[in-house]
Amino acid sequence: LQMISSLLKMTIFLAKSGDLIALIHQLQ
């Protein structure tokens, strides 16, 4: 389960990376 969680979270993170980078810029 921990390996599944890591794989899924990183896959979603890469797919949403553009939005997350923009959020970092706006939140700071």
mmCIF file of all heavy atoms, coordinates in Angstrom:
data_MODEL
# 
_entry.id   MODEL 
# 
loop_
_atom_site.group_PDB 
_atom_site.id 
_atom_site.type_symbol 
_atom_site.label_atom_id 
_atom_site.label_alt_id 
_atom_site.label_comp_id 
_atom_site.label_asym_id 
_atom_site.label_entity_id 
_atom_site.label_seq_id 
_atom_site.pdbx_PDB_ins_code 
_atom_site.Cartn_x 
_atom_site.Cartn_y 
_atom_site.Cartn_z 
_atom_site.occupancy 
_atom_site.B_iso_or_equiv 
_atom_site.pdbx_formal_charge 
_atom_site.auth_seq_id 
_atom_site.auth_comp_id 
_atom_site.auth_asym_id 
_atom_site.auth_atom_id 
_atom_site.pdbx_PDB_model_num 
ATOM 1   N N   . LEU A 1 1  ? 0.822  -1.206 0.000   1.00 0.00 ? 1  LEU A N   1 
ATOM 2   C CA  . LEU A 1 1  ? 0.000  0.000  0.000   1.00 0.00 ? 1  LEU A CA  1 
ATOM 3   C C   . LEU A 1 1  ? 0.858  1.258  0.000   1.00 0.00 ? 1  LEU A C   1 
ATOM 4   O O   . LEU A 1 1  ? 0.519  2.249  -0.670  1.00 0.00 ? 1  LEU A O   1 
ATOM 5   C CB  . LEU A 1 1  ? -0.926 0.007  1.214   1.00 0.00 ? 1  LEU A CB  1 
ATOM 6   C CG  . LEU A 1 1  ? -2.137 -0.927 1.161   1.00 0.00 ? 1  LEU A CG  1 
ATOM 7   C CD1 . LEU A 1 1  ? -2.876 -0.921 2.491   1.00 0.00 ? 1  LEU A CD1 1 
ATOM 8   C CD2 . LEU A 1 1  ? -3.076 -0.527 0.031   1.00 0.00 ? 1  LEU A CD2 1 
ATOM 9   N N   . GLN A 1 2  ? 1.948  1.237  0.729   1.00 0.00 ? 2  GLN A N   1 
ATOM 10  C CA  . GLN A 1 2  ? 2.806  2.421  0.755   1.00 0.00 ? 2  GLN A CA  1 
ATOM 11  C C   . GLN A 1 2  ? 3.450  2.655  -0.603  1.00 0.00 ? 2  GLN A C   1 
ATOM 12  O O   . GLN A 1 2  ? 3.585  3.802  -1.063  1.00 0.00 ? 2  GLN A O   1 
ATOM 13  C CB  . GLN A 1 2  ? 3.886  2.271  1.831   1.00 0.00 ? 2  GLN A CB  1 
ATOM 14  C CG  . GLN A 1 2  ? 4.726  3.517  2.036   1.00 0.00 ? 2  GLN A CG  1 
ATOM 15  C CD  . GLN A 1 2  ? 3.881  4.730  2.391   1.00 0.00 ? 2  GLN A CD  1 
ATOM 16  O OE1 . GLN A 1 2  ? 3.136  4.719  3.353   1.00 0.00 ? 2  GLN A OE1 1 
ATOM 17  N NE2 . GLN A 1 2  ? 3.990  5.786  1.614   1.00 0.00 ? 2  GLN A NE2 1 
ATOM 18  N N   . MET A 1 3  ? 3.843  1.588  -1.292  1.00 0.00 ? 3  MET A N   1 
ATOM 19  C CA  . MET A 1 3  ? 4.410  1.748  -2.631  1.00 0.00 ? 3  MET A CA  1 
ATOM 20  C C   . MET A 1 3  ? 3.359  2.240  -3.617  1.00 0.00 ? 3  MET A C   1 
ATOM 21  O O   . MET A 1 3  ? 3.634  3.094  -4.470  1.00 0.00 ? 3  MET A O   1 
ATOM 22  C CB  . MET A 1 3  ? 5.029  0.425  -3.095  1.00 0.00 ? 3  MET A CB  1 
ATOM 23  C CG  . MET A 1 3  ? 6.338  0.102  -2.406  1.00 0.00 ? 3  MET A CG  1 
ATOM 24  S SD  . MET A 1 3  ? 7.174  -1.336 -3.084  1.00 0.00 ? 3  MET A SD  1 
ATOM 25  C CE  . MET A 1 3  ? 6.197  -2.654 -2.372  1.00 0.00 ? 3  MET A CE  1 
ATOM 26  N N   . ILE A 1 4  ? 2.143  1.714  -3.514  1.00 0.00 ? 4  ILE A N   1 
ATOM 27  C CA  . ILE A 1 4  ? 1.052  2.187  -4.373  1.00 0.00 ? 4  ILE A CA  1 
ATOM 28  C C   . ILE A 1 4  ? 0.790  3.669  -4.125  1.00 0.00 ? 4  ILE A C   1 
ATOM 29  O O   . ILE A 1 4  ? 0.600  4.457  -5.067  1.00 0.00 ? 4  ILE A O   1 
ATOM 30  C CB  . ILE A 1 4  ? -0.223 1.354  -4.130  1.00 0.00 ? 4  ILE A CB  1 
ATOM 31  C CG1 . ILE A 1 4  ? -0.033 -0.071 -4.657  1.00 0.00 ? 4  ILE A CG1 1 
ATOM 32  C CG2 . ILE A 1 4  ? -1.429 1.997  -4.796  1.00 0.00 ? 4  ILE A CG2 1 
ATOM 33  C CD1 . ILE A 1 4  ? -1.171 -1.004 -4.322  1.00 0.00 ? 4  ILE A CD1 1 
ATOM 34  N N   . SER A 1 5  ? 0.778  4.063  -2.850  1.00 0.00 ? 5  SER A N   1 
ATOM 35  C CA  . SER A 1 5  ? 0.546  5.464  -2.506  1.00 0.00 ? 5  SER A CA  1 
ATOM 36  C C   . SER A 1 5  ? 1.628  6.361  -3.100  1.00 0.00 ? 5  SER A C   1 
ATOM 37  O O   . SER A 1 5  ? 1.327  7.418  -3.678  1.00 0.00 ? 5  SER A O   1 
ATOM 38  C CB  . SER A 1 5  ? 0.498  5.619  -0.981  1.00 0.00 ? 5  SER A CB  1 
ATOM 39  O OG  . SER A 1 5  ? 0.389  6.971  -0.611  1.00 0.00 ? 5  SER A OG  1 
ATOM 40  N N   . SER A 1 6  ? 2.892  5.954  -2.984  1.00 0.00 ? 6  SER A N   1 
ATOM 41  C CA  . SER A 1 6  ? 3.987  6.775  -3.524  1.00 0.00 ? 6  SER A CA  1 
ATOM 42  C C   . SER A 1 6  ? 3.891  6.899  -5.035  1.00 0.00 ? 6  SER A C   1 
ATOM 43  O O   . SER A 1 6  ? 4.055  7.990  -5.595  1.00 0.00 ? 6  SER A O   1 
ATOM 44  C CB  . SER A 1 6  ? 5.337  6.168  -3.122  1.00 0.00 ? 6  SER A CB  1 
ATOM 45  O OG  . SER A 1 6  ? 5.509  6.165  -1.719  1.00 0.00 ? 6  SER A OG  1 
ATOM 46  N N   . LEU A 1 7  ? 3.615  5.800  -5.718  1.00 0.00 ? 7  LEU A N   1 
ATOM 47  C CA  . LEU A 1 7  ? 3.517  5.829  -7.181  1.00 0.00 ? 7  LEU A CA  1 
ATOM 48  C C   . LEU A 1 7  ? 2.358  6.708  -7.641  1.00 0.00 ? 7  LEU A C   1 
ATOM 49  O O   . LEU A 1 7  ? 2.506  7.517  -8.569  1.00 0.00 ? 7  LEU A O   1 
ATOM 50  C CB  . LEU A 1 7  ? 3.357  4.408  -7.723  1.00 0.00 ? 7  LEU A CB  1 
ATOM 51  C CG  . LEU A 1 7  ? 4.591  3.498  -7.612  1.00 0.00 ? 7  LEU A CG  1 
ATOM 52  C CD1 . LEU A 1 7  ? 4.222  2.061  -7.967  1.00 0.00 ? 7  LEU A CD1 1 
ATOM 53  C CD2 . LEU A 1 7  ? 5.707  3.993  -8.522  1.00 0.00 ? 7  LEU A CD2 1 
ATOM 54  N N   . LEU A 1 8  ? 1.198  6.558  -7.002  1.00 0.00 ? 8  LEU A N   1 
ATOM 55  C CA  . LEU A 1 8  ? 0.037  7.340  -7.413  1.00 0.00 ? 8  LEU A CA  1 
ATOM 56  C C   . LEU A 1 8  ? 0.223  8.828  -7.111  1.00 0.00 ? 8  LEU A C   1 
ATOM 57  O O   . LEU A 1 8  ? -0.109 9.699  -7.942  1.00 0.00 ? 8  LEU A O   1 
ATOM 58  C CB  . LEU A 1 8  ? -1.219 6.816  -6.714  1.00 0.00 ? 8  LEU A CB  1 
ATOM 59  C CG  . LEU A 1 8  ? -1.755 5.469  -7.195  1.00 0.00 ? 8  LEU A CG  1 
ATOM 60  C CD1 . LEU A 1 8  ? -2.971 5.056  -6.369  1.00 0.00 ? 8  LEU A CD1 1 
ATOM 61  C CD2 . LEU A 1 8  ? -2.125 5.523  -8.670  1.00 0.00 ? 8  LEU A CD2 1 
ATOM 62  N N   . LYS A 1 9  ? 0.761  9.139  -5.934  1.00 0.00 ? 9  LYS A N   1 
ATOM 63  C CA  . LYS A 1 9  ? 0.935  10.543 -5.567  1.00 0.00 ? 9  LYS A CA  1 
ATOM 64  C C   . LYS A 1 9  ? 1.929  11.242 -6.495  1.00 0.00 ? 9  LYS A C   1 
ATOM 65  O O   . LYS A 1 9  ? 1.706  12.392 -6.898  1.00 0.00 ? 9  LYS A O   1 
ATOM 66  C CB  . LYS A 1 9  ? 1.372  10.665 -4.109  1.00 0.00 ? 9  LYS A CB  1 
ATOM 67  C CG  . LYS A 1 9  ? 0.263  10.391 -3.120  1.00 0.00 ? 9  LYS A CG  1 
ATOM 68  C CD  . LYS A 1 9  ? 0.579  10.893 -1.716  1.00 0.00 ? 9  LYS A CD  1 
ATOM 69  C CE  . LYS A 1 9  ? 1.711  10.154 -1.083  1.00 0.00 ? 9  LYS A CE  1 
ATOM 70  N NZ  . LYS A 1 9  ? 1.887  10.521 0.345   1.00 0.00 ? 9  LYS A NZ  1 
ATOM 71  N N   . MET A 1 10 ? 3.007  10.560 -6.861  1.00 0.00 ? 10 MET A N   1 
ATOM 72  C CA  . MET A 1 10 ? 3.977  11.186 -7.754  1.00 0.00 ? 10 MET A CA  1 
ATOM 73  C C   . MET A 1 10 ? 3.422  11.312 -9.171  1.00 0.00 ? 10 MET A C   1 
ATOM 74  O O   . MET A 1 10 ? 3.713  12.291 -9.872  1.00 0.00 ? 10 MET A O   1 
ATOM 75  C CB  . MET A 1 10 ? 5.271  10.374 -7.760  1.00 0.00 ? 10 MET A CB  1 
ATOM 76  C CG  . MET A 1 10 ? 6.097  10.535 -6.502  1.00 0.00 ? 10 MET A CG  1 
ATOM 77  S SD  . MET A 1 10 ? 6.440  12.261 -6.083  1.00 0.00 ? 10 MET A SD  1 
ATOM 78  C CE  . MET A 1 10 ? 7.290  12.819 -7.563  1.00 0.00 ? 10 MET A CE  1 
ATOM 79  N N   . THR A 1 11 ? 2.622  10.344 -9.606  1.00 0.00 ? 11 THR A N   1 
ATOM 80  C CA  . THR A 1 11 ? 2.000  10.463 -10.927 1.00 0.00 ? 11 THR A CA  1 
ATOM 81  C C   . THR A 1 11 ? 1.061  11.663 -10.985 1.00 0.00 ? 11 THR A C   1 
ATOM 82  O O   . THR A 1 11 ? 1.072  12.447 -11.941 1.00 0.00 ? 11 THR A O   1 
ATOM 83  C CB  . THR A 1 11 ? 1.223  9.174  -11.263 1.00 0.00 ? 11 THR A CB  1 
ATOM 84  O OG1 . THR A 1 11 ? 2.121  8.058  -11.241 1.00 0.00 ? 11 THR A OG1 1 
ATOM 85  C CG2 . THR A 1 11 ? 0.586  9.265  -12.639 1.00 0.00 ? 11 THR A CG2 1 
ATOM 86  N N   . ILE A 1 12 ? 0.243  11.826 -9.943  1.00 0.00 ? 12 ILE A N   1 
ATOM 87  C CA  . ILE A 1 12 ? -0.675 12.966 -9.887  1.00 0.00 ? 12 ILE A CA  1 
ATOM 88  C C   . ILE A 1 12 ? 0.113  14.268 -9.764  1.00 0.00 ? 12 ILE A C   1 
ATOM 89  O O   . ILE A 1 12 ? -0.242 15.292 -10.381 1.00 0.00 ? 12 ILE A O   1 
ATOM 90  C CB  . ILE A 1 12 ? -1.655 12.803 -8.717  1.00 0.00 ? 12 ILE A CB  1 
ATOM 91  C CG1 . ILE A 1 12 ? -2.507 11.548 -8.912  1.00 0.00 ? 12 ILE A CG1 1 
ATOM 92  C CG2 . ILE A 1 12 ? -2.544 14.023 -8.570  1.00 0.00 ? 12 ILE A CG2 1 
ATOM 93  C CD1 . ILE A 1 12 ? -3.334 11.163 -7.698  1.00 0.00 ? 12 ILE A CD1 1 
ATOM 94  N N   . PHE A 1 13 ? 1.185  14.247 -8.978  1.00 0.00 ? 13 PHE A N   1 
ATOM 95  C CA  . PHE A 1 13 ? 1.988  15.454 -8.810  1.00 0.00 ? 13 PHE A CA  1 
ATOM 96  C C   . PHE A 1 13 ? 2.579  15.913 -10.144 1.00 0.00 ? 13 PHE A C   1 
ATOM 97  O O   . PHE A 1 13 ? 2.552  17.112 -10.467 1.00 0.00 ? 13 PHE A O   1 
ATOM 98  C CB  . PHE A 1 13 ? 3.106  15.212 -7.800  1.00 0.00 ? 13 PHE A CB  1 
ATOM 99  C CG  . PHE A 1 13 ? 4.061  16.362 -7.654  1.00 0.00 ? 13 PHE A CG  1 
ATOM 100 C CD1 . PHE A 1 13 ? 3.751  17.433 -6.834  1.00 0.00 ? 13 PHE A CD1 1 
ATOM 101 C CD2 . PHE A 1 13 ? 5.266  16.380 -8.344  1.00 0.00 ? 13 PHE A CD2 1 
ATOM 102 C CE1 . PHE A 1 13 ? 4.623  18.507 -6.707  1.00 0.00 ? 13 PHE A CE1 1 
ATOM 103 C CE2 . PHE A 1 13 ? 6.134  17.449 -8.221  1.00 0.00 ? 13 PHE A CE2 1 
ATOM 104 C CZ  . PHE A 1 13 ? 5.814  18.505 -7.406  1.00 0.00 ? 13 PHE A CZ  1 
ATOM 105 N N   . LEU A 1 14 ? 3.106  14.985 -10.925 1.00 0.00 ? 14 LEU A N   1 
ATOM 106 C CA  . LEU A 1 14 ? 3.673  15.357 -12.221 1.00 0.00 ? 14 LEU A CA  1 
ATOM 107 C C   . LEU A 1 14 ? 2.595  15.887 -13.163 1.00 0.00 ? 14 LEU A C   1 
ATOM 108 O O   . LEU A 1 14 ? 2.832  16.821 -13.933 1.00 0.00 ? 14 LEU A O   1 
ATOM 109 C CB  . LEU A 1 14 ? 4.379  14.152 -12.852 1.00 0.00 ? 14 LEU A CB  1 
ATOM 110 C CG  . LEU A 1 14 ? 5.699  13.732 -12.198 1.00 0.00 ? 14 LEU A CG  1 
ATOM 111 C CD1 . LEU A 1 14 ? 6.248  12.486 -12.876 1.00 0.00 ? 14 LEU A CD1 1 
ATOM 112 C CD2 . LEU A 1 14 ? 6.717  14.861 -12.273 1.00 0.00 ? 14 LEU A CD2 1 
ATOM 113 N N   . ALA A 1 15 ? 1.398  15.287 -13.096 1.00 0.00 ? 15 ALA A N   1 
ATOM 114 C CA  . ALA A 1 15 ? 0.312  15.749 -13.961 1.00 0.00 ? 15 ALA A CA  1 
ATOM 115 C C   . ALA A 1 15 ? -0.163 17.146 -13.568 1.00 0.00 ? 15 ALA A C   1 
ATOM 116 O O   . ALA A 1 15 ? -0.587 17.931 -14.429 1.00 0.00 ? 15 ALA A O   1 
ATOM 117 C CB  . ALA A 1 15 ? -0.854 14.762 -13.905 1.00 0.00 ? 15 ALA A CB  1 
ATOM 118 N N   . LYS A 1 16 ? -0.090 17.477 -12.267 1.00 0.00 ? 16 LYS A N   1 
ATOM 119 C CA  . LYS A 1 16 ? -0.568 18.768 -11.767 1.00 0.00 ? 16 LYS A CA  1 
ATOM 120 C C   . LYS A 1 16 ? 0.577  19.735 -11.475 1.00 0.00 ? 16 LYS A C   1 
ATOM 121 O O   . LYS A 1 16 ? 0.347  20.780 -10.842 1.00 0.00 ? 16 LYS A O   1 
ATOM 122 C CB  . LYS A 1 16 ? -1.357 18.556 -10.464 1.00 0.00 ? 16 LYS A CB  1 
ATOM 123 C CG  . LYS A 1 16 ? -2.585 17.667 -10.598 1.00 0.00 ? 16 LYS A CG  1 
ATOM 124 C CD  . LYS A 1 16 ? -3.750 18.408 -11.164 1.00 0.00 ? 16 LYS A CD  1 
ATOM 125 C CE  . LYS A 1 16 ? -5.015 17.580 -11.091 1.00 0.00 ? 16 LYS A CE  1 
ATOM 126 N NZ  . LYS A 1 16 ? -6.192 18.320 -11.612 1.00 0.00 ? 16 LYS A NZ  1 
ATOM 127 N N   . SER A 1 17 ? 1.782  19.431 -11.929 1.00 0.00 ? 17 SER A N   1 
ATOM 128 C CA  . SER A 1 17 ? 2.946  20.222 -11.536 1.00 0.00 ? 17 SER A CA  1 
ATOM 129 C C   . SER A 1 17 ? 2.839  21.677 -11.984 1.00 0.00 ? 17 SER A C   1 
ATOM 130 O O   . SER A 1 17 ? 3.257  22.593 -11.259 1.00 0.00 ? 17 SER A O   1 
ATOM 131 C CB  . SER A 1 17 ? 4.222  19.593 -12.090 1.00 0.00 ? 17 SER A CB  1 
ATOM 132 O OG  . SER A 1 17 ? 4.154  19.497 -13.512 1.00 0.00 ? 17 SER A OG  1 
ATOM 133 N N   . GLY A 1 18 ? 2.277  21.916 -13.175 1.00 0.00 ? 18 GLY A N   1 
ATOM 134 C CA  . GLY A 1 18 ? 2.137  23.302 -13.636 1.00 0.00 ? 18 GLY A CA  1 
ATOM 135 C C   . GLY A 1 18 ? 1.266  24.133 -12.716 1.00 0.00 ? 18 GLY A C   1 
ATOM 136 O O   . GLY A 1 18 ? 1.604  25.272 -12.364 1.00 0.00 ? 18 GLY A O   1 
ATOM 137 N N   . ASP A 1 19 ? 0.123  23.573 -12.307 1.00 0.00 ? 19 ASP A N   1 
ATOM 138 C CA  . ASP A 1 19 ? -0.768 24.291 -11.397 1.00 0.00 ? 19 ASP A CA  1 
ATOM 139 C C   . ASP A 1 19 ? -0.122 24.506 -10.037 1.00 0.00 ? 19 ASP A C   1 
ATOM 140 O O   . ASP A 1 19 ? -0.291 25.566 -9.411  1.00 0.00 ? 19 ASP A O   1 
ATOM 141 C CB  . ASP A 1 19 ? -2.076 23.517 -11.223 1.00 0.00 ? 19 ASP A CB  1 
ATOM 142 C CG  . ASP A 1 19 ? -2.877 23.427 -12.513 1.00 0.00 ? 19 ASP A CG  1 
ATOM 143 O OD1 . ASP A 1 19 ? -2.698 24.315 -13.371 1.00 0.00 ? 19 ASP A OD1 1 
ATOM 144 O OD2 . ASP A 1 19 ? -3.651 22.476 -12.669 1.00 0.00 ? 19 ASP A OD2 1 
ATOM 145 N N   . LEU A 1 20 ? 0.632  23.507 -9.562  1.00 0.00 ? 20 LEU A N   1 
ATOM 146 C CA  . LEU A 1 20 ? 1.262  23.628 -8.242  1.00 0.00 ? 20 LEU A CA  1 
ATOM 147 C C   . LEU A 1 20 ? 2.362  24.678 -8.239  1.00 0.00 ? 20 LEU A C   1 
ATOM 148 O O   . LEU A 1 20 ? 2.522  25.422 -7.262  1.00 0.00 ? 20 LEU A O   1 
ATOM 149 C CB  . LEU A 1 20 ? 1.809  22.265 -7.818  1.00 0.00 ? 20 LEU A CB  1 
ATOM 150 C CG  . LEU A 1 20 ? 0.758  21.188 -7.554  1.00 0.00 ? 20 LEU A CG  1 
ATOM 151 C CD1 . LEU A 1 20 ? 1.416  19.841 -7.297  1.00 0.00 ? 20 LEU A CD1 1 
ATOM 152 C CD2 . LEU A 1 20 ? -0.111 21.572 -6.362  1.00 0.00 ? 20 LEU A CD2 1 
ATOM 153 N N   . ILE A 1 21 ? 3.131  24.755 -9.327  1.00 0.00 ? 21 ILE A N   1 
ATOM 154 C CA  . ILE A 1 21 ? 4.171  25.788 -9.414  1.00 0.00 ? 21 ILE A CA  1 
ATOM 155 C C   . ILE A 1 21 ? 3.535  27.177 -9.396  1.00 0.00 ? 21 ILE A C   1 
ATOM 156 O O   . ILE A 1 21 ? 4.015  28.101 -8.734  1.00 0.00 ? 21 ILE A O   1 
ATOM 157 C CB  . ILE A 1 21 ? 5.016  25.585 -10.679 1.00 0.00 ? 21 ILE A CB  1 
ATOM 158 C CG1 . ILE A 1 21 ? 5.832  24.287 -10.584 1.00 0.00 ? 21 ILE A CG1 1 
ATOM 159 C CG2 . ILE A 1 21 ? 5.950  26.765 -10.900 1.00 0.00 ? 21 ILE A CG2 1 
ATOM 160 C CD1 . ILE A 1 21 ? 6.836  24.269 -9.465  1.00 0.00 ? 21 ILE A CD1 1 
ATOM 161 N N   . ALA A 1 22 ? 2.434  27.325 -10.135 1.00 0.00 ? 22 ALA A N   1 
ATOM 162 C CA  . ALA A 1 22 ? 1.735  28.618 -10.135 1.00 0.00 ? 22 ALA A CA  1 
ATOM 163 C C   . ALA A 1 22 ? 1.188  28.957 -8.750  1.00 0.00 ? 22 ALA A C   1 
ATOM 164 O O   . ALA A 1 22 ? 1.215  30.124 -8.331  1.00 0.00 ? 22 ALA A O   1 
ATOM 165 C CB  . ALA A 1 22 ? 0.604  28.589 -11.165 1.00 0.00 ? 22 ALA A CB  1 
ATOM 166 N N   . LEU A 1 23 ? 0.710  27.951 -8.029  1.00 0.00 ? 23 LEU A N   1 
ATOM 167 C CA  . LEU A 1 23 ? 0.206  28.182 -6.677  1.00 0.00 ? 23 LEU A CA  1 
ATOM 168 C C   . LEU A 1 23 ? 1.313  28.623 -5.729  1.00 0.00 ? 23 LEU A C   1 
ATOM 169 O O   . LEU A 1 23 ? 1.095  29.476 -4.862  1.00 0.00 ? 23 LEU A O   1 
ATOM 170 C CB  . LEU A 1 23 ? -0.462 26.916 -6.145  1.00 0.00 ? 23 LEU A CB  1 
ATOM 171 C CG  . LEU A 1 23 ? -1.908 26.672 -6.571  1.00 0.00 ? 23 LEU A CG  1 
ATOM 172 C CD1 . LEU A 1 23 ? -2.375 25.305 -6.087  1.00 0.00 ? 23 LEU A CD1 1 
ATOM 173 C CD2 . LEU A 1 23 ? -2.810 27.757 -6.009  1.00 0.00 ? 23 LEU A CD2 1 
ATOM 174 N N   . ILE A 1 24 ? 2.487  28.047 -5.879  1.00 0.00 ? 24 ILE A N   1 
ATOM 175 C CA  . ILE A 1 24 ? 3.623  28.465 -5.049  1.00 0.00 ? 24 ILE A CA  1 
ATOM 176 C C   . ILE A 1 24 ? 3.905  29.945 -5.271  1.00 0.00 ? 24 ILE A C   1 
ATOM 177 O O   . ILE A 1 24 ? 4.122  30.715 -4.323  1.00 0.00 ? 24 ILE A O   1 
ATOM 178 C CB  . ILE A 1 24 ? 4.866  27.613 -5.372  1.00 0.00 ? 24 ILE A CB  1 
ATOM 179 C CG1 . ILE A 1 24 ? 4.674  26.170 -4.912  1.00 0.00 ? 24 ILE A CG1 1 
ATOM 180 C CG2 . ILE A 1 24 ? 6.111  28.200 -4.708  1.00 0.00 ? 24 ILE A CG2 1 
ATOM 181 C CD1 . ILE A 1 24 ? 5.813  25.255 -5.283  1.00 0.00 ? 24 ILE A CD1 1 
ATOM 182 N N   . HIS A 1 25 ? 3.871  30.352 -6.518  1.00 0.00 ? 25 HIS A N   1 
ATOM 183 C CA  . HIS A 1 25 ? 4.132  31.758 -6.833  1.00 0.00 ? 25 HIS A CA  1 
ATOM 184 C C   . HIS A 1 25 ? 3.066  32.669 -6.244  1.00 0.00 ? 25 HIS A C   1 
ATOM 185 O O   . HIS A 1 25 ? 3.358  33.760 -5.740  1.00 0.00 ? 25 HIS A O   1 
ATOM 186 C CB  . HIS A 1 25 ? 4.191  31.927 -8.348  1.00 0.00 ? 25 HIS A CB  1 
ATOM 187 C CG  . HIS A 1 25 ? 4.261  33.353 -8.790  1.00 0.00 ? 25 HIS A CG  1 
ATOM 188 N ND1 . HIS A 1 25 ? 5.298  34.195 -8.443  1.00 0.00 ? 25 HIS A ND1 1 
ATOM 189 C CD2 . HIS A 1 25 ? 3.419  34.105 -9.537  1.00 0.00 ? 25 HIS A CD2 1 
ATOM 190 C CE1 . HIS A 1 25 ? 5.094  35.389 -8.962  1.00 0.00 ? 25 HIS A CE1 1 
ATOM 191 N NE2 . HIS A 1 25 ? 3.950  35.362 -9.628  1.00 0.00 ? 25 HIS A NE2 1 
ATOM 192 N N   . GLN A 1 26 ? 1.794  32.250 -6.288  1.00 0.00 ? 26 GLN A N   1 
ATOM 193 C CA  . GLN A 1 26 ? 0.709  33.093 -5.811  1.00 0.00 ? 26 GLN A CA  1 
ATOM 194 C C   . GLN A 1 26 ? 0.598  33.110 -4.287  1.00 0.00 ? 26 GLN A C   1 
ATOM 195 O O   . GLN A 1 26 ? 0.171  34.111 -3.708  1.00 0.00 ? 26 GLN A O   1 
ATOM 196 C CB  . GLN A 1 26 ? -0.619 32.619 -6.410  1.00 0.00 ? 26 GLN A CB  1 
ATOM 197 C CG  . GLN A 1 26 ? -0.699 32.790 -7.910  1.00 0.00 ? 26 GLN A CG  1 
ATOM 198 C CD  . GLN A 1 26 ? -2.000 32.287 -8.486  1.00 0.00 ? 26 GLN A CD  1 
ATOM 199 O OE1 . GLN A 1 26 ? -2.927 31.984 -7.750  1.00 0.00 ? 26 GLN A OE1 1 
ATOM 200 N NE2 . GLN A 1 26 ? -2.064 32.178 -9.796  1.00 0.00 ? 26 GLN A NE2 1 
ATOM 201 N N   . LEU A 1 27 ? 0.962  32.000 -3.657  1.00 0.00 ? 27 LEU A N   1 
ATOM 202 C CA  . LEU A 1 27 ? 0.822  31.932 -2.202  1.00 0.00 ? 27 LEU A CA  1 
ATOM 203 C C   . LEU A 1 27 ? 1.927  32.662 -1.470  1.00 0.00 ? 27 LEU A C   1 
ATOM 204 O O   . LEU A 1 27 ? 1.750  33.095 -0.335  1.00 0.00 ? 27 LEU A O   1 
ATOM 205 C CB  . LEU A 1 27 ? 0.802  30.475 -1.753  1.00 0.00 ? 27 LEU A CB  1 
ATOM 206 C CG  . LEU A 1 27 ? -0.521 29.887 -1.291  1.00 0.00 ? 27 LEU A CG  1 
ATOM 207 C CD1 . LEU A 1 27 ? -0.323 28.468 -0.804  1.00 0.00 ? 27 LEU A CD1 1 
ATOM 208 C CD2 . LEU A 1 27 ? -1.142 30.714 -0.194  1.00 0.00 ? 27 LEU A CD2 1 
ATOM 209 N N   . GLN A 1 28 ? 3.092  32.764 -2.096  1.00 0.00 ? 28 GLN A N   1 
ATOM 210 C CA  . GLN A 1 28 ? 4.245  33.315 -1.394  1.00 0.00 ? 28 GLN A CA  1 
ATOM 211 C C   . GLN A 1 28 ? 4.139  34.825 -1.312  1.00 0.00 ? 28 GLN A C   1 
ATOM 212 O O   . GLN A 1 28 ? 4.325  35.542 -2.271  1.00 0.00 ? 28 GLN A O   1 
ATOM 213 C CB  . GLN A 1 28 ? 5.539  32.924 -2.118  1.00 0.00 ? 28 GLN A CB  1 
ATOM 214 C CG  . GLN A 1 28 ? 6.802  33.407 -1.430  1.00 0.00 ? 28 GLN A CG  1 
ATOM 215 C CD  . GLN A 1 28 ? 7.045  32.668 -0.131  1.00 0.00 ? 28 GLN A CD  1 
ATOM 216 O OE1 . GLN A 1 28 ? 6.644  31.533 -0.010  1.00 0.00 ? 28 GLN A OE1 1 
ATOM 217 N NE2 . GLN A 1 28 ? 7.706  33.307 0.802   1.00 0.00 ? 28 GLN A NE2 1 
# 
